[in-house]
Amino acid sequence: MTRTTPKIYLFERIFVSLAICGPILMVIVAGLLPVGSRGPMIVAGHEFLVAILGLALVSRAAYEIGFVQCARATAAAGEGVRRRSDGLL
């Protein structure tokens, strides 16, 4: 008897692993750097990690909603913004 893991559980496991292990690995790597460059490396690394996690969440939401529906919603929102900005000019 084989057991399969649903894709959503796999995504959650990878997402949580990256969210937990990413900062830990950055602190370990920063510990190997000279004192003056530790702070900027940790800040830049956390910005990069937040960008990756945010992109993963947006991609997962787009996958769940459906890419076509997501594109339609984005196009409709962009059209609304254009109409409002045209009225201001």
C-alpha atoms as a PDB file:
ATOM      1  CA  MET A   1       0.000   0.000   0.000  1.00  0.00           C
ATOM      2  CA  THR A   2       1.468   3.343  -1.049  1.00  0.00           C
ATOM      3  CA  ARG A   3       0.671   6.638   0.512  1.00  0.00           C
ATOM      4  CA  THR A   4       0.709   9.895  -1.427  1.00  0.00           C
ATOM      5  CA  THR A   5       1.034  13.330   0.086  1.00  0.00           C
ATOM      6  CA  PRO A   6      -1.306  15.988  -1.331  1.00  0.00           C
ATOM      7  CA  LYS A   7       0.481  18.849  -3.075  1.00  0.00           C
ATOM      8  CA  ILE A   8      -0.814  21.442  -0.602  1.00  0.00           C
ATOM      9  CA  TYR A   9       0.909  19.686   2.276  1.00  0.00           C
ATOM     10  CA  LEU A  10       4.153  19.561   0.317  1.00  0.00           C
ATOM     11  CA  PHE A  11       3.942  23.320  -0.360  1.00  0.00           C
ATOM     12  CA  GLU A  12       3.268  24.050   3.308  1.00  0.00           C
ATOM     13  CA  ARG A  13       6.201  21.912   4.413  1.00  0.00           C
ATOM     14  CA  ILE A  14       8.605  23.587   1.996  1.00  0.00           C
ATOM     15  CA  PHE A  15       7.291  27.077   2.872  1.00  0.00           C
ATOM     16  CA  VAL A  16       7.602  26.526   6.618  1.00  0.00           C
ATOM     17  CA  SER A  17      11.047  24.955   6.250  1.00  0.00           C
ATOM     18  CA  LEU A  18      12.279  27.958   4.262  1.00  0.00           C
ATOM     19  CA  ALA A  19      10.698  30.417   6.708  1.00  0.00           C
ATOM     20  CA  ILE A  20      12.332  28.714   9.701  1.00  0.00           C
ATOM     21  CA  CYS A  21      15.708  27.632   8.303  1.00  0.00           C
ATOM     22  CA  GLY A  22      16.413  30.716   6.162  1.00  0.00           C
ATOM     23  CA  PRO A  23      17.078  33.174   9.004  1.00  0.00           C
ATOM     24  CA  ILE A  24      19.003  30.547  10.975  1.00  0.00           C
ATOM     25  CA  LEU A  25      21.342  29.888   8.045  1.00  0.00           C
ATOM     26  CA  MET A  26      21.813  33.629   7.461  1.00  0.00           C
ATOM     27  CA  VAL A  27      22.879  34.153  11.068  1.00  0.00           C
ATOM     28  CA  ILE A  28      25.327  31.244  10.832  1.00  0.00           C
ATOM     29  CA  VAL A  29      26.838  32.627   7.607  1.00  0.00           C
ATOM     30  CA  ALA A  30      26.968  36.154   9.060  1.00  0.00           C
ATOM     31  CA  GLY A  31      28.895  34.773  12.017  1.00  0.00           C
ATOM     32  CA  LEU A  32      31.690  33.830   9.619  1.00  0.00           C
ATOM     33  CA  LEU A  33      31.961  37.335   8.168  1.00  0.00           C
ATOM     34  CA  PRO A  34      34.042  40.210   9.544  1.00  0.00           C
ATOM     35  CA  VAL A  35      32.325  42.383  12.145  1.00  0.00           C
ATOM     36  CA  GLY A  36      31.688  45.377   9.860  1.00  0.00           C
ATOM     37  CA  SER A  37      29.796  43.487   7.177  1.00  0.00           C
ATOM     38  CA  ARG A  38      27.526  41.306   9.322  1.00  0.00           C
ATOM     39  CA  GLY A  39      24.657  43.758   9.739  1.00  0.00           C
ATOM     40  CA  PRO A  40      24.177  44.675   6.067  1.00  0.00           C
ATOM     41  CA  MET A  41      24.379  41.017   5.056  1.00  0.00           C
ATOM     42  CA  ILE A  42      21.669  40.008   7.533  1.00  0.00           C
ATOM     43  CA  VAL A  43      19.398  42.892   6.487  1.00  0.00           C
ATOM     44  CA  ALA A  44      19.844  42.212   2.767  1.00  0.00           C
ATOM     45  CA  GLY A  45      19.394  38.490   3.344  1.00  0.00           C
ATOM     46  CA  HIS A  46      16.152  39.002   5.233  1.00  0.00           C
ATOM     47  CA  GLU A  47      14.835  41.295   2.493  1.00  0.00           C
ATOM     48  CA  PHE A  48      15.630  38.599  -0.065  1.00  0.00           C
ATOM     49  CA  LEU A  49      13.984  35.924   2.079  1.00  0.00           C
ATOM     50  CA  VAL A  50      10.821  38.000   2.552  1.00  0.00           C
ATOM     51  CA  ALA A  51      10.669  38.591  -1.212  1.00  0.00           C
ATOM     52  CA  ILE A  52      10.930  34.852  -1.907  1.00  0.00           C
ATOM     53  CA  LEU A  53       8.271  33.984   0.678  1.00  0.00           C
ATOM     54  CA  GLY A  54       5.956  36.711  -0.625  1.00  0.00           C
ATOM     55  CA  LEU A  55       6.374  35.494  -4.193  1.00  0.00           C
ATOM     56  CA  ALA A  56       5.650  31.942  -3.060  1.00  0.00           C
ATOM     57  CA  LEU A  57       2.419  33.031  -1.360  1.00  0.00           C
ATOM     58  CA  VAL A  58       1.279  35.059  -4.374  1.00  0.00           C
ATOM     59  CA  SER A  59       2.101  32.189  -6.726  1.00  0.00           C
ATOM     60  CA  ARG A  60       0.215  29.730  -4.544  1.00  0.00           C
ATOM     61  CA  ALA A  61      -2.815  32.036  -4.366  1.00  0.00           C
ATOM     62  CA  ALA A  62      -2.762  32.471  -8.138  1.00  0.00           C
ATOM     63  CA  TYR A  63      -2.572  28.709  -8.562  1.00  0.00           C
ATOM     64  CA  GLU A  64      -5.502  28.144  -6.210  1.00  0.00           C
ATOM     65  CA  ILE A  65      -7.671  30.844  -7.795  1.00  0.00           C
ATOM     66  CA  GLY A  66      -6.645  29.956 -11.312  1.00  0.00           C
ATOM     67  CA  PHE A  67      -4.280  31.968 -13.456  1.00  0.00           C
ATOM     68  CA  VAL A  68      -6.973  33.078 -15.893  1.00  0.00           C
ATOM     69  CA  GLN A  69      -9.246  34.428 -13.163  1.00  0.00           C
ATOM     70  CA  CYS A  70      -6.271  36.094 -11.496  1.00  0.00           C
ATOM     71  CA  ALA A  71      -5.236  37.773 -14.761  1.00  0.00           C
ATOM     72  CA  ARG A  72      -8.802  39.010 -15.306  1.00  0.00           C
ATOM     73  CA  ALA A  73      -8.947  40.442 -11.777  1.00  0.00           C
ATOM     74  CA  THR A  74      -5.590  42.159 -12.254  1.00  0.00           C
ATOM     75  CA  ALA A  75      -6.650  43.607 -15.609  1.00  0.00           C
ATOM     76  CA  ALA A  76      -9.923  44.864 -14.123  1.00  0.00           C
ATOM     77  CA  ALA A  77      -8.092  46.490 -11.212  1.00  0.00           C
ATOM     78  CA  GLY A  78      -5.625  48.135 -13.616  1.00  0.00           C
ATOM     79  CA  GLU A  79      -8.478  49.463 -15.747  1.00  0.00           C
ATOM     80  CA  GLY A  80     -10.135  50.959 -12.667  1.00  0.00           C
ATOM     81  CA  VAL A  81      -6.920  52.693 -11.660  1.00  0.00           C
ATOM     82  CA  ARG A  82      -6.489  54.089 -15.179  1.00  0.00           C
ATOM     83  CA  ARG A  83     -10.039  55.459 -15.178  1.00  0.00           C
ATOM     84  CA  ARG A  84      -9.524  57.151 -11.828  1.00  0.00           C
ATOM     85  CA  SER A  85      -6.189  58.642 -12.876  1.00  0.00           C
ATOM     86  CA  ASP A  86      -7.674  59.957 -16.138  1.00  0.00           C
ATOM     87  CA  GLY A  87     -10.298  61.855 -14.152  1.00  0.00           C
ATOM     88  CA  LEU A  88      -7.616  63.502 -12.025  1.00  0.00           C
ATOM     89  CA  LEU A  89      -5.584  64.836 -14.944  1.00  0.00           C
END
